Amino acid sequence: MFARIKQKFNSLYLVQNYRKILVYVRPYWFRALIAVLITIPIGSMDAVIAWSLRPYMDVVMVEKGATASSTILIPVLIIIFSCIQSLLNYTATYLNTWVGQKISMDVKLKLFEKLMRYNAAFFDKRNSGEILFRFNNDVDMACSGLLSNLKLFTTRVFSSLSLIGVLFYNSWQLAIVAVIVLLGALFPLTRVRRRIQSIMKKTIFSGAAIMTHYNETYSGNRIISSYNLYNYQEKRFKDTLHSVFKLGMKMIQRTGMLSPLMHFIVSLGIAAVIWLGSYLIVTHQITAGSFVSFITALIMLYTPIKSIGNNFNSVQMSLMAMERVFGLMEATPAITSKPNAKKLEKIEKGIEYKDVCFEYVPGKPVLKHINLKVNIGETVAFVGNSGGGKTTMVNILPRFYDIKSGSLTIDGIDVRDYELNSLRDKIAIVFQDNFLFSGTIRENILLGKEDATKEQLDKAVKYACLEEFIKTLEKGLDTEIGERGVLLSGGQKQRIAIARAFIKDAPIVILDEATSALDNKSEAVVQQAIDNLMKDRTVFIIAHRLSTVRNADKIVVVNYGEIVETGTHDELLKQENSIYASLYKTQLK
């Protein structure tokens, strides 16, 4: 009983998914409708050949009473109908592919828009292969399967109906036997989905793991080379391939008997029809022409059925991919703007952490009852042990993550009550390892403000200390930098990131260990650029090198998720048993 209820639920869910995707079909409804309508004559024409054999056999072969013109007419008509059917089939395939590709583009765009707006925690829990598989491959599988399956289904339906009509036209007794056998052959398909669903999910996971291996090899090629990790990477990849192989064999074990079983059932049906048909011919209940026409129609009806098991897995994968795609479509990002969120126009007072608690994993606090007030124009530096919560302190300000309890306010209003885009517009960030997009230097700087004037761009380049470097390039700002800025040095990438932050002209600047990965010479140039960026702004600095935070208005020592010391450089050095003083002296040594 429960199995039947579940089966009905799955059928209902499938219908709902098809209804949902109709939204994306609607802009192309005319071509999609034509593609579907064309399948009616494509399927129906299958019956023409079988039907024409009855008069041909009775008149030409048995009675031998046909004229020369009539003996030529039927073969010619068969050729003409076959040509028309072939042209219609090509047209339907072309239209289906066109509509399927258009729908795929629209769905991918919609998912990509959603992907960009997921919070950082979403990406923390998933690898690149899974993202690529679920947001790209699943869409291709669902959309390409949608119309191709629909074309196959409608063609088979009208072909089957017309062929069954031919069966009853020739002999209702034989037709009843044929239809019963047909239903018996299709029955195993009703059990397939339940048997393969769990394997499908594991197969998807393994497919995503393979993509992750390729992504890691691409991004980590220098580490692989420098540490001679060829055997290590090859073993990991081989293990994943072996897992995919085992899942593939399990799929065959559970579905491989489907086609042979259907083939056997169909063979029994053909044998039964031949036996009964022979009896009906002998007793003069049907003619030889009727029998030949019947057998032809029966074989044309049964042939696709015998091989349908081989295609049924791909059909099921398309349907499951559709379910996953709409699961993503209907999911709501954890961090969004409230319905009546206030737009952050200007920061006038300051920023305040009030009893802030935060945890990435439930039950494992990262920030514990943080209280801190930052006035407008102040420079605040966070220092302390690695993993103590310094980066988390600034990541919750632009709402990369939302706090568990307490409040983080700007001008007395919780950041969660501000409209998200307006909040992030007021914050510029320079990371330790800044991400640069493939393209030119100009394009990467203008990401901070796409409509910036030439004067604003030149100013950003100047204050980011990029002028001298740009002059050495043949194409200047229009120089291609490669994927992730691979053609640039670390210092050059940092200065482009600073120029990007500078042109954004945000009142709040976050510097997340912006110079820690640079050599002394590069650090000096980048530090000058940072000093320019910090002027007349509220600045949050995360630093391991304490020499870079000596001039901060406020230094906050964060250890194990708690603020343990606060003060200026000189004040903290004077404190007895000061953690900051201990760290500073250690670095001096």
Protein backbone atom coordinates (compact mmCIF):
# COMPACT_ATOMS: atom_id res chain seq x y z
CA MET A 1 0.00 0.00 0.00
CA PHE A 2 2.76 2.44 0.96
CA ALA A 3 4.62 1.60 -2.25
CA ARG A 4 1.54 2.51 -4.29
CA ILE A 5 1.11 5.78 -2.42
CA LYS A 6 4.79 6.61 -3.00
CA GLN A 7 4.48 5.75 -6.68
CA LYS A 8 1.44 8.03 -7.04
CA PHE A 9 3.32 10.78 -5.21
CA ASN A 10 6.30 10.43 -7.57
CA SER A 11 3.98 10.56 -10.58
CA LEU A 12 2.32 13.69 -9.22
CA TYR A 13 5.73 15.24 -8.52
CA LEU A 14 6.79 14.47 -12.11
CA VAL A 15 3.69 16.21 -13.49
CA GLN A 16 4.42 19.21 -11.25
CA ASN A 17 7.99 19.42 -12.59
CA TYR A 18 6.75 19.37 -16.17
CA ARG A 19 4.32 22.17 -15.27
CA LYS A 20 7.17 24.20 -13.74
CA ILE A 21 9.33 23.90 -16.82
CA LEU A 22 6.44 25.09 -19.00
CA VAL A 23 7.30 28.58 -17.71
CA TYR A 24 10.58 28.31 -19.61
CA VAL A 25 8.91 26.72 -22.66
CA ARG A 26 6.37 29.56 -22.98
CA PRO A 27 8.68 32.04 -24.83
CA TYR A 28 9.28 29.37 -27.46
CA TRP A 29 5.83 27.77 -27.36
CA PHE A 30 5.16 28.02 -31.11
CA ARG A 31 8.24 26.05 -32.16
CA ALA A 32 7.75 23.60 -29.30
CA LEU A 33 4.13 23.06 -30.33
CA ILE A 34 5.11 22.51 -33.98
CA ALA A 35 7.75 19.99 -32.86
CA VAL A 36 5.13 18.07 -30.89
CA LEU A 37 2.46 18.24 -33.61
CA ILE A 38 4.90 16.91 -36.20
CA THR A 39 5.29 13.74 -34.16
CA ILE A 40 1.62 12.86 -34.86
CA PRO A 41 2.12 12.13 -38.57
CA ILE A 42 5.60 10.70 -37.86
CA GLY A 43 4.09 8.09 -35.55
CA SER A 44 0.93 7.55 -37.57
CA MET A 45 2.80 6.88 -40.80
CA ASP A 46 4.28 3.72 -39.28
CA ALA A 47 0.90 2.13 -39.84
CA VAL A 48 0.82 2.94 -43.57
CA ILE A 49 3.38 0.28 -44.51
CA ALA A 50 1.68 -2.42 -42.43
CA TRP A 51 -1.80 -1.47 -43.66
CA SER A 52 -0.76 -1.44 -47.35
CA LEU A 53 0.55 -4.98 -47.19
CA ARG A 54 -2.95 -6.48 -46.77
CA PRO A 55 -4.34 -5.51 -50.21
CA TYR A 56 -0.94 -6.04 -51.78
CA MET A 57 -0.68 -9.62 -50.47
CA ASP A 58 -4.32 -10.54 -51.15
CA VAL A 59 -4.57 -9.03 -54.63
CA VAL A 60 -1.04 -9.33 -56.00
CA MET A 61 0.52 -12.32 -54.25
CA VAL A 62 -2.50 -14.58 -53.62
CA GLU A 63 -5.11 -13.76 -56.28
CA LYS A 64 -2.52 -12.55 -58.81
CA GLY A 65 -5.17 -10.28 -60.22
CA ALA A 66 -3.36 -6.93 -60.08
CA THR A 67 -2.31 -4.84 -63.06
CA ALA A 68 1.28 -3.68 -63.60
CA SER A 69 0.40 -0.15 -62.52
CA SER A 70 -1.17 -1.33 -59.26
CA THR A 71 1.86 -3.47 -58.41
CA ILE A 72 4.09 -0.42 -58.76
CA LEU A 73 1.72 1.99 -56.99
CA ILE A 74 1.93 0.51 -53.48
CA PRO A 75 5.79 0.32 -53.34
CA VAL A 76 5.99 3.88 -54.69
CA LEU A 77 3.51 5.10 -52.07
CA ILE A 78 5.54 3.38 -49.35
CA ILE A 79 8.70 5.18 -50.56
CA ILE A 80 6.90 8.54 -50.68
CA PHE A 81 5.47 8.12 -47.19
CA SER A 82 8.89 7.06 -45.86
CA CYS A 83 10.53 10.17 -47.37
CA ILE A 84 7.89 12.43 -45.86
CA GLN A 85 8.30 10.70 -42.50
CA SER A 86 12.10 11.16 -42.65
CA LEU A 87 11.80 14.89 -43.45
CA LEU A 88 9.29 15.39 -40.66
CA ASN A 89 11.57 13.47 -38.28
CA TYR A 90 14.50 15.75 -39.15
CA THR A 91 12.33 18.85 -38.68
CA ALA A 92 11.08 17.63 -35.29
CA THR A 93 14.64 16.82 -34.14
CA TYR A 94 15.88 20.26 -35.24
CA LEU A 95 13.04 22.11 -33.51
CA ASN A 96 13.39 20.03 -30.36
CA THR A 97 17.12 20.71 -30.19
CA TRP A 98 16.59 24.44 -30.78
CA VAL A 99 13.92 24.75 -28.09
CA GLY A 100 15.87 22.49 -25.69
CA GLN A 101 19.03 24.59 -26.06
CA LYS A 102 17.08 27.83 -25.51
CA ILE A 103 15.41 26.44 -22.39
CA SER A 104 18.78 25.18 -21.14
CA MET A 105 20.28 28.66 -21.58
CA ASP A 106 17.43 30.31 -19.67
CA VAL A 107 17.53 27.79 -16.81
CA LYS A 108 21.33 28.02 -16.53
CA LEU A 109 21.11 31.81 -16.38
CA LYS A 110 18.47 31.62 -13.65
CA LEU A 111 20.55 29.14 -11.63
CA PHE A 112 23.70 31.20 -12.14
CA GLU A 113 21.95 34.28 -10.77
CA LYS A 114 20.93 32.21 -7.74
CA LEU A 115 24.41 30.68 -7.36
CA MET A 116 26.03 34.11 -7.11
CA ARG A 117 23.72 35.07 -4.27
CA TYR A 118 24.29 32.03 -2.08
CA ASN A 119 26.08 32.84 1.17
CA ALA A 120 29.65 31.76 1.95
CA ALA A 121 28.49 28.82 4.09
CA PHE A 122 26.89 27.25 0.99
CA PHE A 123 30.26 27.17 -0.78
CA ASP A 124 32.11 26.07 2.37
CA LYS A 125 30.13 22.82 2.39
CA ARG A 126 30.46 21.96 -1.33
CA ASN A 127 33.31 21.28 -3.69
CA SER A 128 33.70 22.78 -7.15
CA GLY A 129 32.78 19.53 -8.90
CA GLU A 130 29.44 19.35 -7.13
CA ILE A 131 28.65 22.97 -8.00
CA LEU A 132 29.56 22.41 -11.66
CA PHE A 133 27.58 19.18 -11.88
CA ARG A 134 24.42 20.44 -10.19
CA PHE A 135 24.29 23.89 -11.80
CA ASN A 136 25.44 22.91 -15.29
CA ASN A 137 25.35 19.19 -16.11
CA ASP A 138 21.99 18.60 -14.44
CA VAL A 139 20.47 21.39 -16.52
CA ASP A 140 21.80 19.88 -19.76
CA MET A 141 20.56 16.45 -18.73
CA ALA A 142 17.11 17.74 -17.75
CA CYS A 143 16.50 20.10 -20.69
CA SER A 144 17.92 17.90 -23.43
CA GLY A 145 15.97 14.95 -22.03
CA LEU A 146 12.77 16.97 -21.65
CA LEU A 147 11.86 17.50 -25.29
CA SER A 148 13.68 14.46 -26.66
CA ASN A 149 11.70 12.29 -24.22
CA LEU A 150 8.55 14.17 -25.11
CA LYS A 151 9.22 13.64 -28.83
CA LEU A 152 9.95 9.96 -28.25
CA PHE A 153 6.83 9.59 -26.11
CA THR A 154 4.41 11.32 -28.48
CA THR A 155 5.87 9.57 -31.53
CA ARG A 156 5.58 6.18 -29.82
CA VAL A 157 2.04 6.93 -28.60
CA PHE A 158 0.69 7.83 -32.05
CA SER A 159 2.71 5.09 -33.72
CA SER A 160 1.38 2.54 -31.22
CA LEU A 161 -2.22 3.75 -31.55
CA SER A 162 -2.12 3.63 -35.34
CA LEU A 163 -0.42 0.22 -35.36
CA ILE A 164 -2.92 -1.15 -32.82
CA GLY A 165 -5.64 0.17 -35.13
CA VAL A 166 -4.11 -1.86 -37.96
CA LEU A 167 -4.01 -4.92 -35.68
CA PHE A 168 -7.76 -4.69 -34.92
CA TYR A 169 -8.50 -3.91 -38.57
CA ASN A 170 -6.90 -7.19 -39.60
CA SER A 171 -8.02 -9.45 -36.70
CA TRP A 172 -9.57 -8.51 -33.38
CA GLN A 173 -8.71 -11.96 -31.92
CA LEU A 174 -4.99 -11.60 -32.65
CA ALA A 175 -5.07 -7.93 -31.57
CA ILE A 176 -6.32 -8.82 -28.08
CA VAL A 177 -3.45 -11.29 -27.62
CA ALA A 178 -0.93 -8.70 -28.89
CA VAL A 179 -2.16 -5.93 -26.53
CA ILE A 180 -2.08 -8.25 -23.49
CA VAL A 181 1.52 -9.20 -24.31
CA LEU A 182 2.39 -5.51 -24.82
CA LEU A 183 1.11 -4.59 -21.35
CA GLY A 184 3.04 -7.53 -19.87
CA ALA A 185 6.25 -6.35 -21.56
CA LEU A 186 5.84 -2.78 -20.21
CA PHE A 187 5.09 -3.87 -16.63
CA PRO A 188 8.79 -4.25 -15.55
CA LEU A 189 9.34 -0.55 -16.30
CA THR A 190 7.12 0.38 -13.36
CA ARG A 191 9.68 -1.14 -10.96
CA VAL A 192 12.84 0.41 -12.39
CA ARG A 193 12.81 3.87 -10.78
CA ARG A 194 12.75 2.53 -7.23
CA ARG A 195 15.63 0.12 -7.98
CA ILE A 196 17.96 2.72 -9.50
CA GLN A 197 17.21 5.90 -7.51
CA SER A 198 19.82 5.35 -4.76
CA ILE A 199 22.49 4.37 -7.31
CA MET A 200 21.70 7.48 -9.37
CA LYS A 201 22.45 9.71 -6.39
CA LYS A 202 25.79 7.97 -5.74
CA THR A 203 26.66 8.17 -9.44
CA ILE A 204 26.05 11.92 -9.41
CA PHE A 205 28.30 12.30 -6.36
CA SER A 206 31.08 10.32 -8.08
CA GLY A 207 30.67 12.33 -11.29
CA ALA A 208 31.07 15.53 -9.26
CA ALA A 209 34.19 14.07 -7.59
CA ILE A 210 35.77 13.47 -11.01
CA MET A 211 35.19 17.11 -11.96
CA THR A 212 36.73 18.19 -8.65
CA HIS A 213 39.88 16.20 -9.50
CA TYR A 214 40.20 18.03 -12.81
CA ASN A 215 39.63 21.42 -11.14
CA GLU A 216 42.20 20.68 -8.42
CA THR A 217 44.76 19.51 -10.97
CA TYR A 218 44.24 22.69 -13.00
CA SER A 219 44.46 25.05 -10.02
CA GLY A 220 47.15 23.11 -8.15
CA ASN A 221 49.38 22.16 -11.08
CA ARG A 222 52.44 23.90 -9.59
CA ILE A 223 52.01 22.19 -6.23
CA ILE A 224 51.66 18.84 -7.98
CA SER A 225 54.86 19.48 -9.92
CA SER A 226 56.92 20.92 -7.06
CA TYR A 227 56.01 18.13 -4.63
CA ASN A 228 56.01 15.36 -7.26
CA LEU A 229 52.43 14.46 -6.43
CA TYR A 230 51.81 12.61 -9.69
CA ASN A 231 51.40 9.19 -8.10
CA TYR A 232 49.31 10.60 -5.24
CA GLN A 233 46.91 12.42 -7.59
CA GLU A 234 46.76 9.48 -9.97
CA LYS A 235 45.83 7.12 -7.11
CA ARG A 236 43.03 9.43 -5.93
CA PHE A 237 41.68 9.77 -9.45
CA LYS A 238 41.94 6.02 -10.03
CA ASP A 239 39.99 5.34 -6.83
CA THR A 240 37.22 7.68 -7.97
CA LEU A 241 37.09 6.06 -11.41
CA HIS A 242 36.92 2.64 -9.75
CA SER A 243 33.98 3.87 -7.66
CA VAL A 244 32.19 5.08 -10.82
CA PHE A 245 32.88 1.70 -12.46
CA LYS A 246 31.37 -0.20 -9.52
CA LEU A 247 28.27 2.00 -9.57
CA GLY A 248 27.93 1.46 -13.30
CA MET A 249 28.07 -2.30 -12.84
CA LYS A 250 25.48 -2.11 -10.03
CA MET A 251 23.24 -0.20 -12.42
CA ILE A 252 23.60 -2.98 -14.98
CA GLN A 253 22.89 -5.61 -12.32
CA ARG A 254 19.64 -3.91 -11.40
CA THR A 255 18.47 -2.93 -14.89
CA GLY A 256 20.46 -5.11 -17.30
CA MET A 257 17.81 -7.87 -17.32
CA LEU A 258 15.11 -5.39 -18.29
CA SER A 259 15.67 -5.52 -22.08
CA PRO A 260 16.24 -9.31 -22.25
CA LEU A 261 13.10 -9.86 -20.15
CA MET A 262 11.03 -7.60 -22.41
CA HIS A 263 12.56 -9.29 -25.46
CA PHE A 264 11.51 -12.69 -24.11
CA ILE A 265 7.94 -11.55 -23.35
CA VAL A 266 7.62 -10.01 -26.82
CA SER A 267 8.92 -13.22 -28.41
CA LEU A 268 6.25 -15.17 -26.56
CA GLY A 269 3.65 -12.78 -27.94
CA ILE A 270 4.88 -13.17 -31.52
CA ALA A 271 4.94 -16.98 -31.13
CA ALA A 272 1.37 -16.94 -29.75
CA VAL A 273 0.17 -14.73 -32.60
CA ILE A 274 1.80 -16.96 -35.25
CA TRP A 275 0.21 -20.04 -33.70
CA LEU A 276 -3.25 -18.47 -33.43
CA GLY A 277 -2.90 -16.77 -36.83
CA SER A 278 -2.09 -20.07 -38.52
CA TYR A 279 -5.26 -21.54 -37.03
CA LEU A 280 -7.37 -18.56 -38.19
CA ILE A 281 -5.97 -18.84 -41.75
CA VAL A 282 -6.66 -22.57 -41.91
CA THR A 283 -10.23 -22.02 -40.69
CA HIS A 284 -10.63 -19.14 -43.23
CA GLN A 285 -11.35 -16.56 -40.52
CA ILE A 286 -8.63 -14.24 -41.88
CA THR A 287 -6.81 -13.99 -45.20
CA ALA A 288 -3.08 -14.46 -45.74
CA GLY A 289 -2.82 -10.74 -46.56
CA SER A 290 -4.46 -9.83 -43.26
CA PHE A 291 -2.03 -12.08 -41.42
CA VAL A 292 1.06 -10.63 -43.14
CA SER A 293 -0.21 -7.09 -42.50
CA PHE A 294 -0.89 -8.01 -38.87
CA ILE A 295 2.59 -9.54 -38.32
CA THR A 296 4.26 -6.49 -39.91
CA ALA A 297 2.31 -4.10 -37.66
CA LEU A 298 3.03 -6.28 -34.64
CA ILE A 299 6.78 -6.33 -35.28
CA MET A 300 6.81 -2.56 -35.83
CA LEU A 301 4.92 -2.18 -32.55
CA TYR A 302 7.10 -4.57 -30.57
CA THR A 303 10.57 -3.65 -31.90
CA PRO A 304 10.86 -0.34 -29.96
CA ILE A 305 9.47 -2.08 -26.87
CA LYS A 306 12.26 -4.68 -26.91
CA SER A 307 14.96 -2.00 -26.77
CA ILE A 308 13.18 0.53 -24.57
CA GLY A 309 14.88 -0.83 -21.47
CA ASN A 310 18.25 0.37 -22.79
CA ASN A 311 16.90 3.94 -23.02
CA PHE A 312 14.84 3.91 -19.85
CA ASN A 313 17.81 4.62 -17.56
CA SER A 314 18.63 7.82 -19.44
CA VAL A 315 14.98 8.83 -19.28
CA GLN A 316 14.97 8.31 -15.51
CA MET A 317 18.22 10.26 -15.14
CA SER A 318 16.67 13.17 -17.05
CA LEU A 319 13.62 13.13 -14.79
CA MET A 320 15.75 12.99 -11.62
CA ALA A 321 17.96 15.78 -12.97
CA MET A 322 14.81 17.84 -13.46
CA GLU A 323 13.85 17.23 -9.83
CA ARG A 324 17.28 18.37 -8.65
CA VAL A 325 17.21 21.48 -10.87
CA PHE A 326 13.87 22.60 -9.49
CA GLY A 327 15.08 21.77 -6.00
CA LEU A 328 17.81 24.38 -6.54
CA MET A 329 15.35 26.78 -8.15
CA GLU A 330 13.03 26.67 -5.16
CA ALA A 331 15.77 26.86 -2.53
CA THR A 332 16.12 30.23 -0.83
CA PRO A 333 19.63 31.56 -0.03
CA ALA A 334 20.17 31.71 3.73
CA ILE A 335 21.24 35.37 3.64
CA THR A 336 18.88 37.78 1.86
CA SER A 337 17.39 41.21 2.40
CA LYS A 338 14.33 41.43 4.60
CA PRO A 339 11.06 42.43 2.86
CA ASN A 340 11.10 45.92 4.40
CA ALA A 341 14.88 46.35 4.58
CA LYS A 342 16.24 49.87 4.89
CA LYS A 343 18.69 51.19 2.31
CA LEU A 344 22.04 52.25 3.77
CA GLU A 345 22.64 55.68 2.29
CA LYS A 346 25.38 57.10 4.51
CA ILE A 347 27.32 56.10 7.63
CA GLU A 348 27.27 58.93 10.18
CA LYS A 349 27.95 57.47 13.62
CA GLY A 350 29.81 54.20 13.65
CA ILE A 351 29.79 50.42 13.97
CA GLU A 352 29.11 48.46 17.13
CA TYR A 353 29.33 44.77 18.07
CA LYS A 354 26.89 44.04 20.91
CA ASP A 355 27.26 40.68 22.67
CA VAL A 356 27.91 39.00 19.28
CA CYS A 357 28.11 35.20 19.18
CA PHE A 358 28.82 33.17 16.06
CA GLU A 359 29.51 29.57 15.09
CA TYR A 360 30.18 27.84 11.77
CA VAL A 361 29.25 24.44 13.18
CA PRO A 362 26.43 24.22 15.74
CA GLY A 363 27.79 23.75 19.24
CA LYS A 364 31.30 25.00 18.35
CA PRO A 365 31.40 28.76 19.03
CA VAL A 366 33.91 30.87 17.09
CA LEU A 367 32.98 34.29 18.53
CA LYS A 368 31.91 34.50 22.18
CA HIS A 369 30.03 37.58 23.42
CA ILE A 370 32.00 40.15 21.43
CA ASN A 371 31.51 43.79 22.39
CA LEU A 372 33.30 46.50 20.41
CA LYS A 373 32.57 50.04 19.27
CA VAL A 374 34.22 51.56 16.17
CA ASN A 375 33.80 55.24 15.43
CA ILE A 376 33.67 56.74 11.95
CA GLY A 377 37.18 57.33 10.54
CA GLU A 378 38.89 55.00 13.00
CA THR A 379 41.41 52.35 12.02
CA VAL A 380 40.92 49.17 14.00
CA ALA A 381 43.39 46.27 13.82
CA PHE A 382 42.57 42.70 14.84
CA VAL A 383 45.51 40.59 16.00
CA GLY A 384 45.83 37.33 17.88
CA ASN A 385 46.29 33.61 17.52
CA SER A 386 45.58 31.87 14.22
CA GLY A 387 41.99 30.61 14.08
CA GLY A 388 41.00 32.85 16.96
CA GLY A 389 38.18 34.61 15.08
CA LYS A 390 39.85 37.69 13.55
CA THR A 391 38.64 37.09 9.99
CA THR A 392 35.20 36.09 11.25
CA MET A 393 34.95 39.47 13.01
CA VAL A 394 35.02 41.24 9.63
CA ASN A 395 33.22 38.55 7.58
CA ILE A 396 30.00 39.14 9.52
CA LEU A 397 30.05 42.87 8.73
CA PRO A 398 29.14 42.53 4.99
CA ARG A 399 26.99 39.52 5.98
CA PHE A 400 29.05 36.80 4.37
CA TYR A 401 27.70 34.98 7.42
CA ASP A 402 24.95 35.94 9.86
CA ILE A 403 25.58 35.98 13.59
CA LYS A 404 23.93 33.50 15.94
CA SER A 405 22.97 36.01 18.65
CA GLY A 406 23.58 39.58 19.71
CA SER A 407 23.63 42.40 17.18
CA LEU A 408 26.06 44.08 14.81
CA THR A 409 24.89 47.61 14.08
CA ILE A 410 25.76 50.48 11.77
CA ASP A 411 24.44 53.81 13.05
CA GLY A 412 22.41 51.90 15.62
CA ILE A 413 20.60 49.69 13.07
CA ASP A 414 21.34 45.98 12.81
CA VAL A 415 23.11 45.07 9.54
CA ARG A 416 20.42 42.40 8.98
CA ASP A 417 17.85 45.21 8.71
CA TYR A 418 19.69 46.93 5.87
CA GLU A 419 19.13 46.12 2.21
CA LEU A 420 21.96 43.68 1.39
CA ASN A 421 23.28 45.32 -1.79
CA SER A 422 23.35 48.78 -0.22
CA LEU A 423 25.23 47.38 2.80
CA ARG A 424 27.91 45.78 0.65
CA ASP A 425 28.17 48.88 -1.53
CA LYS A 426 29.55 50.68 1.52
CA ILE A 427 32.33 48.13 2.12
CA ALA A 428 35.50 47.53 0.09
CA ILE A 429 37.66 44.48 0.83
CA VAL A 430 41.27 43.63 0.00
CA PHE A 431 42.05 40.00 0.75
CA GLN A 432 45.37 38.24 1.25
CA ASP A 433 44.88 36.32 -1.99
CA ASN A 434 42.68 38.52 -4.15
CA PHE A 435 40.68 36.95 -6.93
CA LEU A 436 41.19 38.55 -10.32
CA PHE A 437 38.96 37.68 -13.25
CA SER A 438 40.29 36.73 -16.67
CA GLY A 439 40.41 39.84 -18.83
CA THR A 440 42.38 43.07 -18.72
CA ILE A 441 43.76 45.18 -15.88
CA ARG A 442 41.25 47.90 -16.77
CA GLU A 443 38.30 45.50 -16.55
CA ASN A 444 39.41 44.20 -13.14
CA ILE A 445 39.83 47.69 -11.67
CA LEU A 446 36.48 48.88 -13.05
CA LEU A 447 34.71 46.05 -11.23
CA GLY A 448 34.77 48.44 -8.27
CA LYS A 449 32.72 50.96 -10.26
CA GLU A 450 31.77 50.07 -13.83
CA ASP A 451 30.70 53.62 -14.75
CA ALA A 452 33.85 55.31 -13.39
CA THR A 453 35.22 58.25 -15.36
CA LYS A 454 38.72 58.33 -16.85
CA GLU A 455 39.78 60.74 -14.11
CA GLN A 456 38.54 58.35 -11.39
CA LEU A 457 40.35 55.45 -13.05
CA ASP A 458 43.60 57.39 -13.36
CA LYS A 459 43.34 58.44 -9.72
CA ALA A 460 42.81 54.84 -8.59
CA VAL A 461 45.83 53.70 -10.62
CA LYS A 462 47.97 56.48 -9.16
CA TYR A 463 47.03 55.95 -5.52
CA ALA A 464 47.36 52.17 -5.89
CA CYS A 465 50.99 52.75 -6.99
CA LEU A 466 50.34 51.10 -10.35
CA GLU A 467 51.49 53.92 -12.67
CA GLU A 468 55.08 52.79 -13.02
CA PHE A 469 54.08 49.16 -13.64
CA ILE A 470 51.41 50.13 -16.22
CA LYS A 471 53.95 52.18 -18.19
CA THR A 472 56.12 49.10 -18.71
CA LEU A 473 53.26 47.26 -20.46
CA GLU A 474 52.83 47.58 -24.22
CA LYS A 475 49.03 47.64 -23.97
CA GLY A 476 48.93 49.42 -20.63
CA LEU A 477 45.62 48.99 -18.79
CA ASP A 478 44.33 46.82 -21.63
CA THR A 479 46.90 44.09 -20.94
CA GLU A 480 45.40 40.60 -20.52
CA ILE A 481 46.28 39.09 -17.13
CA GLY A 482 45.17 35.46 -17.65
CA GLU A 483 42.81 33.40 -15.52
CA ARG A 484 43.03 34.44 -11.84
CA GLY A 485 45.76 36.94 -12.83
CA VAL A 486 48.27 34.15 -13.38
CA LEU A 487 50.53 36.43 -15.47
CA LEU A 488 51.06 38.88 -12.59
CA SER A 489 53.21 38.84 -9.46
CA GLY A 490 51.68 38.80 -5.99
CA GLY A 491 52.41 42.50 -5.42
CA GLN A 492 50.92 43.47 -8.79
CA LYS A 493 47.74 41.52 -8.05
CA GLN A 494 47.43 43.19 -4.65
CA ARG A 495 47.79 46.66 -6.13
CA ILE A 496 45.12 45.94 -8.76
CA ALA A 497 42.85 44.78 -5.94
CA ILE A 498 43.62 47.97 -4.02
CA ALA A 499 42.84 50.06 -7.12
CA ARG A 500 39.55 48.17 -7.43
CA ALA A 501 38.75 48.97 -3.79
CA PHE A 502 39.90 52.57 -4.26
CA ILE A 503 37.64 53.23 -7.25
CA LYS A 504 34.68 51.79 -5.32
CA ASP A 505 35.15 54.67 -2.88
CA ALA A 506 33.40 52.86 -0.01
CA PRO A 507 33.43 54.47 3.47
CA ILE A 508 34.45 51.15 5.11
CA VAL A 509 37.60 49.28 4.10
CA ILE A 510 38.55 45.77 5.23
CA LEU A 511 42.18 44.68 4.80
CA ASP A 512 42.45 40.94 5.42
CA GLU A 513 46.19 40.27 5.80
CA ALA A 514 46.73 42.20 2.58
CA THR A 515 50.56 42.18 2.77
CA SER A 516 51.34 38.96 4.63
CA ALA A 517 52.17 36.96 1.49
CA LEU A 518 54.53 39.55 -0.03
CA ASP A 519 58.29 40.01 0.08
CA ASN A 520 59.75 43.12 1.72
CA LYS A 521 60.10 45.13 -1.49
CA SER A 522 56.58 44.35 -2.71
CA GLU A 523 55.20 44.92 0.79
CA ALA A 524 56.66 48.43 0.90
CA VAL A 525 54.95 49.42 -2.36
CA VAL A 526 51.66 47.74 -1.45
CA GLN A 527 51.76 49.32 2.02
CA GLN A 528 52.04 52.75 0.43
CA ALA A 529 49.00 51.94 -1.71
CA ILE A 530 47.14 50.75 1.39
CA ASP A 531 48.00 53.94 3.26
CA ASN A 532 46.46 55.92 0.40
CA LEU A 533 43.35 53.74 0.47
CA MET A 534 42.90 54.15 4.23
CA LYS A 535 42.71 57.96 4.22
CA ASP A 536 39.39 59.35 5.47
CA ARG A 537 37.83 55.92 5.83
CA THR A 538 36.82 53.54 8.59
CA VAL A 539 39.33 50.70 8.30
CA PHE A 540 39.44 47.17 9.68
CA ILE A 541 42.85 45.49 9.47
CA ILE A 542 43.61 41.82 10.07
CA ALA A 543 47.35 41.31 10.40
CA HIS A 544 49.93 38.85 11.63
CA ARG A 545 52.79 41.31 11.10
CA LEU A 546 52.30 43.66 14.02
CA SER A 547 54.63 46.23 12.49
CA THR A 548 51.83 47.05 9.99
CA VAL A 549 49.31 47.99 12.71
CA ARG A 550 51.39 50.23 14.98
CA ASN A 551 49.57 53.35 13.83
CA ALA A 552 46.04 51.93 14.24
CA ASP A 553 43.68 53.98 16.40
CA LYS A 554 42.62 50.81 18.17
CA ILE A 555 44.27 47.39 18.34
CA VAL A 556 41.99 44.51 19.36
CA VAL A 557 43.59 41.26 20.51
CA VAL A 558 41.28 38.32 19.72
CA ASN A 559 42.13 34.92 21.22
CA TYR A 560 39.90 31.85 20.99
CA GLY A 561 36.85 33.87 19.99
CA GLU A 562 37.09 36.49 22.75
CA ILE A 563 38.44 40.04 22.93
CA VAL A 564 41.19 39.88 25.56
CA GLU A 565 42.86 43.27 25.07
CA THR A 566 42.01 46.61 23.46
CA GLY A 567 44.07 49.77 23.13
CA THR A 568 46.65 51.63 21.07
CA HIS A 569 50.07 50.21 20.30
CA ASP A 570 51.73 52.21 23.09
CA GLU A 571 48.97 51.46 25.61
CA LEU A 572 49.16 47.72 25.05
CA LEU A 573 52.96 47.68 25.29
CA LYS A 574 52.72 49.34 28.72
CA GLN A 575 50.18 46.85 30.09
CA GLU A 576 51.54 44.29 32.51
CA ASN A 577 51.50 40.71 31.13
CA SER A 578 50.14 42.04 27.85
CA ILE A 579 49.53 39.37 25.18
CA TYR A 580 50.10 42.00 22.48
CA ALA A 581 53.43 43.04 24.00
CA SER A 582 54.52 39.42 24.11
CA LEU A 583 53.59 38.88 20.46
CA TYR A 584 55.28 42.11 19.41
CA LYS A 585 58.55 41.32 21.17
CA THR A 586 58.55 37.81 19.72
CA GLN A 587 58.21 39.21 16.20
CA LEU A 588 60.99 41.75 16.81
CA LYS A 589 63.33 38.93 17.74
